[in-house]
Protein backbone atom coordinates (compact mmCIF):
# COMPACT_ATOMS: atom_id res chain seq x y z
CA MET A 1 49.52 114.08 87.01
CA GLY A 2 50.41 110.47 87.88
CA GLU A 3 52.60 110.19 84.79
CA MET A 4 54.40 113.42 85.75
CA LYS A 5 55.02 112.12 89.28
CA SER A 6 56.29 108.80 87.92
CA MET A 7 58.66 110.69 85.60
CA GLN A 8 59.99 112.77 88.51
CA MET A 9 60.59 109.61 90.57
CA GLY A 10 62.45 108.12 87.59
CA VAL A 11 64.71 111.18 87.37
CA ILE A 12 65.40 111.12 91.13
CA GLY A 13 66.22 107.40 90.95
CA ALA A 14 68.58 107.96 88.02
CA LEU A 15 70.35 110.81 89.83
CA PHE A 16 70.74 108.76 93.01
CA LEU A 17 72.08 105.75 91.08
CA SER A 18 74.57 107.96 89.24
CA VAL A 19 75.88 109.59 92.44
CA ALA A 20 76.11 106.34 94.42
CA SER A 21 77.84 104.36 91.66
CA SER A 22 80.23 107.18 90.68
CA VAL A 23 81.39 107.84 94.24
CA SER A 24 81.81 104.08 94.77
CA ILE A 25 83.94 103.61 91.66
CA VAL A 26 86.13 106.62 92.50
CA ILE A 27 86.89 105.16 95.94
CA CYS A 28 87.50 101.70 94.42
CA ASN A 29 89.78 103.05 91.66
CA LYS A 30 91.66 105.25 94.12
CA ALA A 31 92.45 102.16 96.20
CA LEU A 32 93.41 100.25 93.04
CA MET A 33 95.69 102.93 91.59
CA THR A 34 97.10 104.58 94.71
CA ASN A 35 97.36 101.72 97.21
CA LEU A 36 97.86 98.78 94.84
CA GLY A 37 99.94 100.61 92.20
CA PHE A 38 97.75 99.90 89.14
CA PRO A 39 98.02 103.15 87.08
CA PHE A 40 96.49 102.03 83.75
CA ALA A 41 93.37 104.22 83.68
CA THR A 42 92.62 104.13 79.94
CA THR A 43 92.98 100.35 79.66
CA LEU A 44 90.84 99.92 82.77
CA THR A 45 88.11 102.06 81.16
CA SER A 46 88.12 99.80 78.09
CA TRP A 47 87.56 96.80 80.38
CA HIS A 48 84.71 98.71 82.06
CA LEU A 49 82.98 99.19 78.71
CA MET A 50 83.53 95.59 77.61
CA VAL A 51 82.01 94.26 80.84
CA THR A 52 79.14 96.75 80.44
CA TYR A 53 78.44 95.49 76.92
CA CYS A 54 78.61 91.83 77.99
CA THR A 55 76.24 92.51 80.90
CA LEU A 56 73.75 94.29 78.65
CA HIS A 57 74.01 91.51 76.07
CA VAL A 58 73.06 88.93 78.71
CA ALA A 59 70.21 91.21 79.85
CA TYR A 60 69.02 91.48 76.23
CA LYS A 61 69.12 87.71 75.75
CA LEU A 62 67.07 87.33 78.95
CA ASN A 63 64.50 89.80 77.51
CA PHE A 64 65.08 92.53 80.11
CA PHE A 65 64.92 95.10 77.29
CA GLU A 66 64.20 95.23 73.55
CA ASN A 67 66.93 96.19 71.11
CA LYS A 68 65.87 98.98 68.75
CA PRO A 69 68.08 99.22 65.64
CA ILE A 70 69.87 102.55 65.18
CA ASP A 71 71.60 103.70 62.01
CA MET A 72 75.03 102.02 62.09
CA ARG A 73 76.90 105.13 60.99
CA THR A 74 75.35 107.13 63.86
CA VAL A 75 76.21 104.44 66.43
CA VAL A 76 79.80 103.98 65.21
CA LEU A 77 80.57 107.72 65.11
CA PHE A 78 78.90 108.26 68.48
CA GLY A 79 80.79 105.36 70.08
CA LEU A 80 84.15 106.43 68.64
CA LEU A 81 83.58 110.04 69.72
CA ASN A 82 82.87 109.01 73.32
CA GLY A 83 85.87 106.68 73.35
CA ILE A 84 88.15 109.43 72.02
CA SER A 85 86.85 111.90 74.63
CA ILE A 86 87.76 109.48 77.45
CA GLY A 87 91.25 109.00 76.02
CA LEU A 88 91.74 112.76 75.63
CA LEU A 89 90.65 113.41 79.23
CA ASN A 90 93.20 110.87 80.46
CA LEU A 91 95.91 112.42 78.27
CA SER A 92 94.93 115.86 79.55
CA LEU A 93 95.45 114.65 83.11
CA GLY A 94 98.82 113.19 82.13
CA PHE A 95 100.12 116.33 80.40
CA ASN A 96 98.71 118.92 82.83
CA SER A 97 98.82 119.61 86.53
CA ILE A 98 95.86 118.35 88.58
CA GLY A 99 94.71 121.95 89.03
CA PHE A 100 94.61 122.59 85.28
CA TYR A 101 92.83 119.26 84.74
CA GLN A 102 90.16 120.36 87.23
CA MET A 103 89.84 123.61 85.27
CA THR A 104 89.30 121.52 82.14
CA LYS A 105 86.42 119.66 83.81
CA LEU A 106 84.91 122.92 85.07
CA ALA A 107 85.02 124.38 81.54
CA ILE A 108 82.73 121.63 80.23
CA ILE A 109 79.60 123.29 81.72
CA PRO A 110 79.97 126.78 80.15
CA PHE A 111 81.08 125.22 76.86
CA THR A 112 78.00 122.94 76.85
CA VAL A 113 75.73 125.91 77.60
CA LEU A 114 77.35 127.80 74.70
CA LEU A 115 76.93 124.90 72.23
CA GLU A 116 73.31 124.25 73.21
CA THR A 117 72.50 127.96 72.94
CA LEU A 118 74.14 128.36 69.51
CA PHE A 119 73.14 125.12 67.80
CA LEU A 120 70.05 123.84 69.65
CA ASN A 121 68.44 127.22 70.44
CA LYS A 122 68.15 126.27 74.10
CA LYS A 123 67.47 129.12 76.52
CA PHE A 124 69.19 129.40 79.91
CA SER A 125 67.78 132.02 82.29
CA GLN A 126 70.05 134.48 84.09
CA LYS A 127 69.18 132.78 87.39
CA ILE A 128 70.32 129.39 86.10
CA LYS A 129 73.51 130.91 84.71
CA PHE A 130 74.19 132.56 88.08
CA SER A 131 73.67 129.26 89.95
CA LEU A 132 76.07 127.52 87.54
CA PHE A 133 78.62 130.29 88.05
CA LEU A 134 78.32 129.88 91.83
CA LEU A 135 78.76 126.11 91.48
CA LEU A 136 81.89 126.46 89.34
CA VAL A 137 83.42 129.00 91.73
CA GLY A 138 82.77 126.69 94.69
CA VAL A 139 84.22 123.58 93.03
CA GLY A 140 87.20 125.63 91.85
CA ILE A 141 87.92 126.86 95.38
CA ALA A 142 87.54 123.35 96.79
CA SER A 143 89.54 121.37 94.27
CA ILE A 144 91.99 123.56 92.33
CA THR A 145 95.38 123.94 93.95
CA ASP A 146 98.09 124.38 91.31
CA LEU A 147 97.85 125.73 87.75
CA GLN A 148 100.68 124.91 85.37
CA LEU A 149 100.19 125.63 81.65
CA ASN A 150 101.92 124.05 78.66
CA PHE A 151 101.05 124.11 74.95
CA VAL A 152 100.46 120.37 74.38
CA GLY A 153 98.44 120.03 77.58
CA SER A 154 96.30 123.06 76.66
CA VAL A 155 95.54 121.67 73.19
CA LEU A 156 94.62 118.27 74.65
CA SER A 157 92.37 119.96 77.21
CA LEU A 158 90.54 121.94 74.52
CA LEU A 159 90.02 118.78 72.45
CA ALA A 160 88.84 116.89 75.55
CA ILE A 161 86.34 119.65 76.40
CA ALA A 162 84.99 119.77 72.83
CA THR A 163 84.59 116.00 72.38
CA THR A 164 83.09 115.53 75.86
CA CYS A 165 80.51 118.29 75.36
CA VAL A 166 79.52 117.11 71.88
CA GLY A 167 79.34 113.48 73.06
CA GLN A 168 77.07 114.33 75.99
CA ILE A 169 74.82 116.56 73.87
CA LEU A 170 74.51 113.75 71.31
CA THR A 171 73.68 111.28 74.11
CA ASN A 172 70.65 113.42 74.96
CA THR A 173 69.74 114.32 71.35
CA ILE A 174 69.93 110.78 69.94
CA GLN A 175 67.70 109.36 72.69
CA LYS A 176 65.05 112.03 72.17
CA ARG A 177 65.07 112.31 68.37
CA LEU A 178 65.35 108.59 67.61
CA ASN A 179 63.09 107.62 70.53
CA VAL A 180 65.53 105.08 71.98
CA THR A 181 66.16 104.34 75.63
CA SER A 182 69.46 104.87 77.42
CA THR A 183 69.89 101.09 77.61
CA GLN A 184 69.40 100.62 73.87
CA LEU A 185 71.87 103.40 73.01
CA LEU A 186 74.50 102.18 75.48
CA TYR A 187 74.12 98.56 74.29
CA GLN A 188 74.80 99.49 70.68
CA SER A 189 77.55 102.07 71.24
CA ALA A 190 79.54 100.40 74.05
CA PRO A 191 81.44 97.95 71.75
CA PHE A 192 82.84 100.82 69.67
CA GLN A 193 83.81 102.85 72.75
CA ALA A 194 85.49 99.77 74.21
CA ALA A 195 87.26 98.91 70.94
CA ILE A 196 89.00 102.26 70.47
CA LEU A 197 90.09 102.36 74.13
CA PHE A 198 91.17 98.69 74.11
CA VAL A 199 93.44 99.35 71.12
CA SER A 200 94.79 102.74 72.21
CA GLY A 201 94.73 102.19 76.00
CA PRO A 202 98.01 100.26 76.43
CA PHE A 203 99.90 102.86 74.32
CA VAL A 204 98.35 105.83 76.14
CA ASP A 205 99.01 104.27 79.54
CA LYS A 206 102.60 103.34 78.65
CA TYR A 207 103.27 106.89 77.44
CA LEU A 208 101.84 108.38 80.64
CA THR A 209 103.28 105.91 83.16
CA SER A 210 106.30 104.32 81.38
CA LEU A 211 104.84 100.95 82.45
CA ASN A 212 103.44 98.07 80.40
CA VAL A 213 99.95 96.89 81.34
CA PHE A 214 100.74 93.38 80.03
CA SER A 215 103.84 92.94 82.21
CA PHE A 216 102.15 94.15 85.39
CA HIS A 217 102.00 91.64 88.28
CA TYR A 218 98.31 90.84 88.75
CA SER A 219 98.01 89.63 92.32
CA PRO A 220 94.68 88.18 93.53
CA ILE A 221 93.80 91.40 95.38
CA VAL A 222 94.51 93.53 92.26
CA VAL A 223 92.33 91.22 90.15
CA GLY A 224 89.64 91.43 92.81
CA PHE A 225 89.62 95.24 92.79
CA ILE A 226 89.66 95.31 88.96
CA THR A 227 86.65 92.98 88.92
CA LEU A 228 84.84 95.12 91.49
CA SER A 229 85.64 98.27 89.50
CA CYS A 230 84.26 96.71 86.30
CA LEU A 231 81.05 95.62 88.02
CA ILE A 232 80.48 99.09 89.50
CA ALA A 233 81.25 100.59 86.06
CA VAL A 234 78.20 98.81 84.60
CA SER A 235 76.04 100.90 86.92
CA VAL A 236 78.09 104.06 86.23
CA ASN A 237 77.80 103.75 82.44
CA PHE A 238 74.11 102.87 82.57
CA SER A 239 73.25 105.73 84.96
CA THR A 240 75.28 108.22 82.86
CA PHE A 241 73.20 107.57 79.75
CA LEU A 242 70.03 107.43 81.87
CA VAL A 243 70.63 110.80 83.57
CA ILE A 244 71.62 112.61 80.36
CA GLY A 245 68.60 111.15 78.56
CA LYS A 246 66.12 112.07 81.30
CA THR A 247 67.57 115.51 82.12
CA SER A 248 70.26 117.32 80.10
CA PRO A 249 74.05 117.36 79.60
CA VAL A 250 74.35 120.45 81.83
CA THR A 251 72.42 118.77 84.67
CA TYR A 252 74.69 115.73 84.33
CA GLN A 253 77.77 117.95 84.67
CA VAL A 254 76.25 119.64 87.74
CA LEU A 255 75.73 116.18 89.18
CA GLY A 256 79.35 115.38 88.36
CA HIS A 257 80.54 118.28 90.50
CA LEU A 258 78.31 117.08 93.34
CA LYS A 259 80.21 113.80 93.08
CA THR A 260 83.50 115.74 93.27
CA CYS A 261 82.38 117.38 96.53
CA LEU A 262 81.24 114.02 97.93
CA VAL A 263 84.54 112.38 96.99
CA LEU A 264 86.45 115.18 98.75
CA ALA A 265 84.28 114.73 101.83
CA PHE A 266 84.63 110.92 101.80
CA GLY A 267 88.37 111.24 101.24
CA TYR A 268 88.60 113.33 104.40
CA THR A 269 86.34 111.16 106.58
CA LEU A 270 87.36 107.69 105.35
CA LEU A 271 90.89 108.09 103.97
CA HIS A 272 92.01 111.01 106.18
CA ASP A 273 93.02 113.17 103.20
CA PRO A 274 94.15 116.73 104.01
CA PHE A 275 91.18 119.08 104.45
CA THR A 276 91.40 122.84 104.90
CA PRO A 277 88.91 125.67 105.59
CA ARG A 278 89.27 126.50 101.88
CA ASN A 279 87.97 123.04 100.94
CA ILE A 280 85.02 123.43 103.32
CA ALA A 281 84.16 126.92 102.01
CA GLY A 282 84.40 125.75 98.40
CA ILE A 283 82.14 122.75 99.00
CA LEU A 284 79.54 124.91 100.78
CA ILE A 285 79.51 127.45 97.91
CA ALA A 286 79.26 124.62 95.36
CA VAL A 287 76.37 122.98 97.24
CA LEU A 288 74.57 126.35 97.38
CA GLY A 289 75.01 126.67 93.60
CA MET A 290 73.63 123.14 93.09
CA LEU A 291 70.60 123.85 95.29
CA LEU A 292 69.87 127.08 93.43
CA TYR A 293 70.29 125.31 90.08
CA SER A 294 67.87 122.56 91.14
CA TYR A 295 65.34 125.13 92.42
CA PHE A 296 65.48 127.35 89.32
CA CYS A 297 65.23 124.30 87.01
CA SER A 298 62.24 123.04 88.99
CA VAL A 299 60.50 126.44 88.74
CA ALA A 300 61.22 126.61 85.00
CA SER A 301 59.92 123.06 84.51
CA LYS A 302 56.68 123.79 86.39
CA SER A 303 56.20 127.02 84.44
CA LYS A 304 56.74 125.17 81.16
CA GLN A 305 54.31 122.42 82.22
CA ALA A 306 51.67 124.98 83.23
CA SER A 307 52.08 126.78 79.91
CA SER A 308 51.75 123.49 78.04
CA ASP A 309 48.61 122.54 80.00
CA SER A 310 46.98 125.93 79.38
CA THR A 311 47.75 125.68 75.66
CA PHE A 312 46.20 122.21 75.58
CA LEU A 313 43.03 123.49 77.36
CA VAL A 314 42.68 126.37 74.91
CA ARG A 315 42.95 123.98 72.00
């Protein structure tokens, strides 16, 4: 019982860290890109991952965690896949309207459910599916404004959805099957994620913005916000692997939409962004979907635990 309670506290801590760090980095990056005119999202992400790796390397040298070797082919492919998914999401945003990009992010949940059902034989109850549907409807109402379709943007969105879903499923599967921690997996895969984004980032950003990241004027305040963004990203990357490892890719995506609702709310209260009754209604519906999802998952987890305990007693 004590071990179960400790596990639940660990999950709650991971969820809280993920929400707090993600909302913080969104606000920081919004100030950096909107107010300070630094639009190089892909290159910035490569710096995030490099700082994350360096931080974990220092932590490893100070014996904060043990490094468990993982098959190099698995780590390289996993790291490259995650790096490609980030680049494709940024390209999807560049080629599509914001509304269609939001639709792309919403599609990740049903696509993940489909993949886990087909290839991992995972069962999702009708109640959980209904709560996810309610969540997606709410986030859609709150965040989607315009929908403009084009062929290249649609293809990029489909590729972004596929690579993101597979990457997040592998994040969970590798940790469980190879018995490695989120820290160990992130430490070994971060260099490969950073490498592919570091090489491709300047080209992707120049194509999307028509600006050169190397000729940008880096004032002290821009450097300060970039540094702050990189430091927060360490927590974001760590908590992402931690949450997916302790829960599931679908739960992580649900948490991501909670962050979206929080960012909308913070944008209204702190940055005075436009806010309409439609936004409020959408957020309320989304929060209801999240609460129902949490409740149904909790009931299913307790039922599974009780079944496991009864089986153990019989044996």
